[in-house]
Amino acid sequence: METLIITIHVLACVFLVAVILLQSGHEGMGVIFGGGSSTMFGSTGAGGLLVKVTAGLAVVFLITSLTYNVLTGNKVSGGESLMLSKPETAAPAPEAAKKPGVTFTDTEQEKKSE
């Protein structure tokens, strides 16, 4: 079920981006002088169709987002909380055996002191 919801969600995302990019923005003063009449969807644009498709895809995006969140949300466990339980006291670590130490002596200083 989760795979189906994710697949629909990703497809809705891709198509939503494509439909938004197809919409033409307001081009400013160029539209007044006839510059907007050579668009792909005519002089009035594809406002009605693209706006409805965008709204539909936005609704699908919202529904799939909420559905996936509900399906995969945190489940409340019936067990005792870890925050309320006392930690176990650990036994102290055993002392490591003493390693033999190496001492360095300066032979020159020993000769001078003699």
C-alpha atoms as a PDB file:
ATOM      1  CA  MET A   1       0.000   0.000   0.000  1.00  0.00           C
ATOM      2  CA  GLU A   2       2.831   2.369   0.882  1.00  0.00           C
ATOM      3  CA  THR A   3       4.502   1.702  -2.464  1.00  0.00           C
ATOM      4  CA  LEU A   4       1.327   2.603  -4.334  1.00  0.00           C
ATOM      5  CA  ILE A   5       0.917   5.848  -2.392  1.00  0.00           C
ATOM      6  CA  ILE A   6       4.569   6.819  -2.979  1.00  0.00           C
ATOM      7  CA  THR A   7       4.267   6.048  -6.710  1.00  0.00           C
ATOM      8  CA  ILE A   8       1.150   8.196  -7.073  1.00  0.00           C
ATOM      9  CA  HIS A   9       2.809  10.925  -5.010  1.00  0.00           C
ATOM     10  CA  VAL A  10       5.950  11.032  -7.167  1.00  0.00           C
ATOM     11  CA  LEU A  11       3.913  11.055 -10.379  1.00  0.00           C
ATOM     12  CA  ALA A  12       1.750  13.865  -9.023  1.00  0.00           C
ATOM     13  CA  CYS A  13       4.903  15.826  -8.136  1.00  0.00           C
ATOM     14  CA  VAL A  14       6.392  15.462 -11.605  1.00  0.00           C
ATOM     15  CA  PHE A  15       3.157  16.363 -13.402  1.00  0.00           C
ATOM     16  CA  LEU A  16       2.520  19.260 -11.021  1.00  0.00           C
ATOM     17  CA  VAL A  17       5.919  20.755 -11.811  1.00  0.00           C
ATOM     18  CA  ALA A  18       5.326  20.274 -15.555  1.00  0.00           C
ATOM     19  CA  VAL A  19       1.876  21.887 -15.454  1.00  0.00           C
ATOM     20  CA  ILE A  20       3.129  24.835 -13.417  1.00  0.00           C
ATOM     21  CA  LEU A  21       5.960  25.400 -15.884  1.00  0.00           C
ATOM     22  CA  LEU A  22       3.474  25.315 -18.788  1.00  0.00           C
ATOM     23  CA  GLN A  23       1.528  28.222 -17.343  1.00  0.00           C
ATOM     24  CA  SER A  24       2.523  31.586 -18.665  1.00  0.00           C
ATOM     25  CA  GLY A  25       3.093  34.410 -16.274  1.00  0.00           C
ATOM     26  CA  HIS A  26       1.906  37.965 -16.803  1.00  0.00           C
ATOM     27  CA  GLU A  27       4.318  39.396 -19.294  1.00  0.00           C
ATOM     28  CA  GLY A  28       3.761  43.024 -18.444  1.00  0.00           C
ATOM     29  CA  MET A  29       3.412  45.728 -21.090  1.00  0.00           C
ATOM     30  CA  GLY A  30       4.243  43.408 -24.018  1.00  0.00           C
ATOM     31  CA  VAL A  31       0.775  41.828 -23.813  1.00  0.00           C
ATOM     32  CA  ILE A  32      -0.937  45.191 -24.312  1.00  0.00           C
ATOM     33  CA  PHE A  33       0.684  45.739 -27.719  1.00  0.00           C
ATOM     34  CA  GLY A  34      -0.200  42.272 -29.062  1.00  0.00           C
ATOM     35  CA  GLY A  35       2.869  40.341 -27.941  1.00  0.00           C
ATOM     36  CA  GLY A  36       0.840  37.757 -26.081  1.00  0.00           C
ATOM     37  CA  SER A  37      -1.277  36.620 -29.017  1.00  0.00           C
ATOM     38  CA  SER A  38       1.354  34.251 -30.381  1.00  0.00           C
ATOM     39  CA  THR A  39       1.277  31.885 -27.424  1.00  0.00           C
ATOM     40  CA  MET A  40       0.717  28.156 -27.757  1.00  0.00           C
ATOM     41  CA  PHE A  41      -2.825  28.241 -26.360  1.00  0.00           C
ATOM     42  CA  GLY A  42      -4.022  31.417 -28.117  1.00  0.00           C
ATOM     43  CA  SER A  43      -4.357  34.991 -26.963  1.00  0.00           C
ATOM     44  CA  THR A  44      -6.335  34.156 -23.841  1.00  0.00           C
ATOM     45  CA  GLY A  45      -3.951  31.419 -22.814  1.00  0.00           C
ATOM     46  CA  ALA A  46      -4.894  28.087 -21.308  1.00  0.00           C
ATOM     47  CA  GLY A  47      -5.918  29.549 -17.995  1.00  0.00           C
ATOM     48  CA  GLY A  48      -9.061  27.514 -17.489  1.00  0.00           C
ATOM     49  CA  LEU A  49      -7.642  24.091 -18.314  1.00  0.00           C
ATOM     50  CA  LEU A  50      -4.225  24.481 -16.736  1.00  0.00           C
ATOM     51  CA  VAL A  51      -5.613  26.056 -13.577  1.00  0.00           C
ATOM     52  CA  LYS A  52      -8.022  23.137 -13.110  1.00  0.00           C
ATOM     53  CA  VAL A  53      -5.322  20.541 -13.782  1.00  0.00           C
ATOM     54  CA  THR A  54      -2.949  22.320 -11.378  1.00  0.00           C
ATOM     55  CA  ALA A  55      -5.600  22.428  -8.666  1.00  0.00           C
ATOM     56  CA  GLY A  56      -6.390  18.725  -9.184  1.00  0.00           C
ATOM     57  CA  LEU A  57      -2.748  17.717  -9.004  1.00  0.00           C
ATOM     58  CA  ALA A  58      -2.260  19.861  -5.907  1.00  0.00           C
ATOM     59  CA  VAL A  59      -5.161  18.049  -4.226  1.00  0.00           C
ATOM     60  CA  VAL A  60      -3.679  14.656  -5.187  1.00  0.00           C
ATOM     61  CA  PHE A  61      -0.295  15.789  -3.822  1.00  0.00           C
ATOM     62  CA  LEU A  62      -1.858  16.868  -0.523  1.00  0.00           C
ATOM     63  CA  ILE A  63      -3.920  13.698  -0.118  1.00  0.00           C
ATOM     64  CA  THR A  64      -0.995  11.375  -0.889  1.00  0.00           C
ATOM     65  CA  SER A  65       1.254  13.304   1.497  1.00  0.00           C
ATOM     66  CA  LEU A  66      -1.216  12.998   4.354  1.00  0.00           C
ATOM     67  CA  THR A  67      -2.037   9.361   3.577  1.00  0.00           C
ATOM     68  CA  TYR A  68       1.617   8.334   3.536  1.00  0.00           C
ATOM     69  CA  ASN A  69       2.181  10.183   6.797  1.00  0.00           C
ATOM     70  CA  VAL A  70      -0.710   8.356   8.444  1.00  0.00           C
ATOM     71  CA  LEU A  71       0.429   4.952   7.132  1.00  0.00           C
ATOM     72  CA  THR A  72       4.051   5.316   8.198  1.00  0.00           C
ATOM     73  CA  GLY A  73       3.634   7.501  11.259  1.00  0.00           C
ATOM     74  CA  ASN A  74       5.016   6.673  14.688  1.00  0.00           C
ATOM     75  CA  LYS A  75       3.163   3.845  16.321  1.00  0.00           C
ATOM     76  CA  VAL A  76       2.569   4.100  20.043  1.00  0.00           C
ATOM     77  CA  SER A  77       3.925   1.019  21.770  1.00  0.00           C
ATOM     78  CA  GLY A  78       2.211  -0.542  24.732  1.00  0.00           C
ATOM     79  CA  GLY A  79       5.491  -1.184  26.526  1.00  0.00           C
ATOM     80  CA  GLU A  80       7.088   0.831  29.257  1.00  0.00           C
ATOM     81  CA  SER A  81       8.908   3.973  28.234  1.00  0.00           C
ATOM     82  CA  LEU A  82      12.686   3.889  28.158  1.00  0.00           C
ATOM     83  CA  MET A  83      12.747   7.388  29.606  1.00  0.00           C
ATOM     84  CA  LEU A  84      10.972   6.233  32.762  1.00  0.00           C
ATOM     85  CA  SER A  85      13.030   3.091  33.369  1.00  0.00           C
ATOM     86  CA  LYS A  86      16.100   3.164  35.572  1.00  0.00           C
ATOM     87  CA  PRO A  87      19.391   2.357  33.889  1.00  0.00           C
ATOM     88  CA  GLU A  88      21.172  -0.763  35.058  1.00  0.00           C
ATOM     89  CA  THR A  89      24.320  -0.128  37.030  1.00  0.00           C
ATOM     90  CA  ALA A  90      27.312  -1.591  35.285  1.00  0.00           C
ATOM     91  CA  ALA A  91      30.085  -3.317  37.201  1.00  0.00           C
ATOM     92  CA  PRO A  92      33.344  -1.396  37.192  1.00  0.00           C
ATOM     93  CA  ALA A  93      35.827  -2.501  34.588  1.00  0.00           C
ATOM     94  CA  PRO A  94      38.616  -4.750  35.929  1.00  0.00           C
ATOM     95  CA  GLU A  95      41.957  -3.078  36.277  1.00  0.00           C
ATOM     96  CA  ALA A  96      44.304  -4.010  33.512  1.00  0.00           C
ATOM     97  CA  ALA A  97      47.444  -5.856  34.506  1.00  0.00           C
ATOM     98  CA  LYS A  98      50.359  -3.529  34.916  1.00  0.00           C
ATOM     99  CA  LYS A  99      52.510  -3.493  31.874  1.00  0.00           C
ATOM    100  CA  PRO A 100      56.221  -3.496  32.487  1.00  0.00           C
ATOM    101  CA  GLY A 101      57.552  -0.005  32.140  1.00  0.00           C
ATOM    102  CA  VAL A 102      60.644   0.856  30.191  1.00  0.00           C
ATOM    103  CA  THR A 103      62.983   3.443  31.611  1.00  0.00           C
ATOM    104  CA  PHE A 104      65.524   5.204  29.473  1.00  0.00           C
ATOM    105  CA  THR A 105      68.752   6.359  30.940  1.00  0.00           C
ATOM    106  CA  ASP A 106      71.269   8.624  29.389  1.00  0.00           C
ATOM    107  CA  THR A 107      74.585   6.837  29.420  1.00  0.00           C
ATOM    108  CA  GLU A 108      76.541  10.046  28.877  1.00  0.00           C
ATOM    109  CA  GLN A 109      75.166  11.633  31.980  1.00  0.00           C
ATOM    110  CA  GLU A 110      75.877   8.513  34.010  1.00  0.00           C
ATOM    111  CA  LYS A 111      79.515   8.638  32.897  1.00  0.00           C
ATOM    112  CA  LYS A 112      79.790  12.323  33.809  1.00  0.00           C
ATOM    113  CA  SER A 113      78.323  11.763  37.238  1.00  0.00           C
ATOM    114  CA  GLU A 114      80.852   9.021  38.015  1.00  0.00           C
END
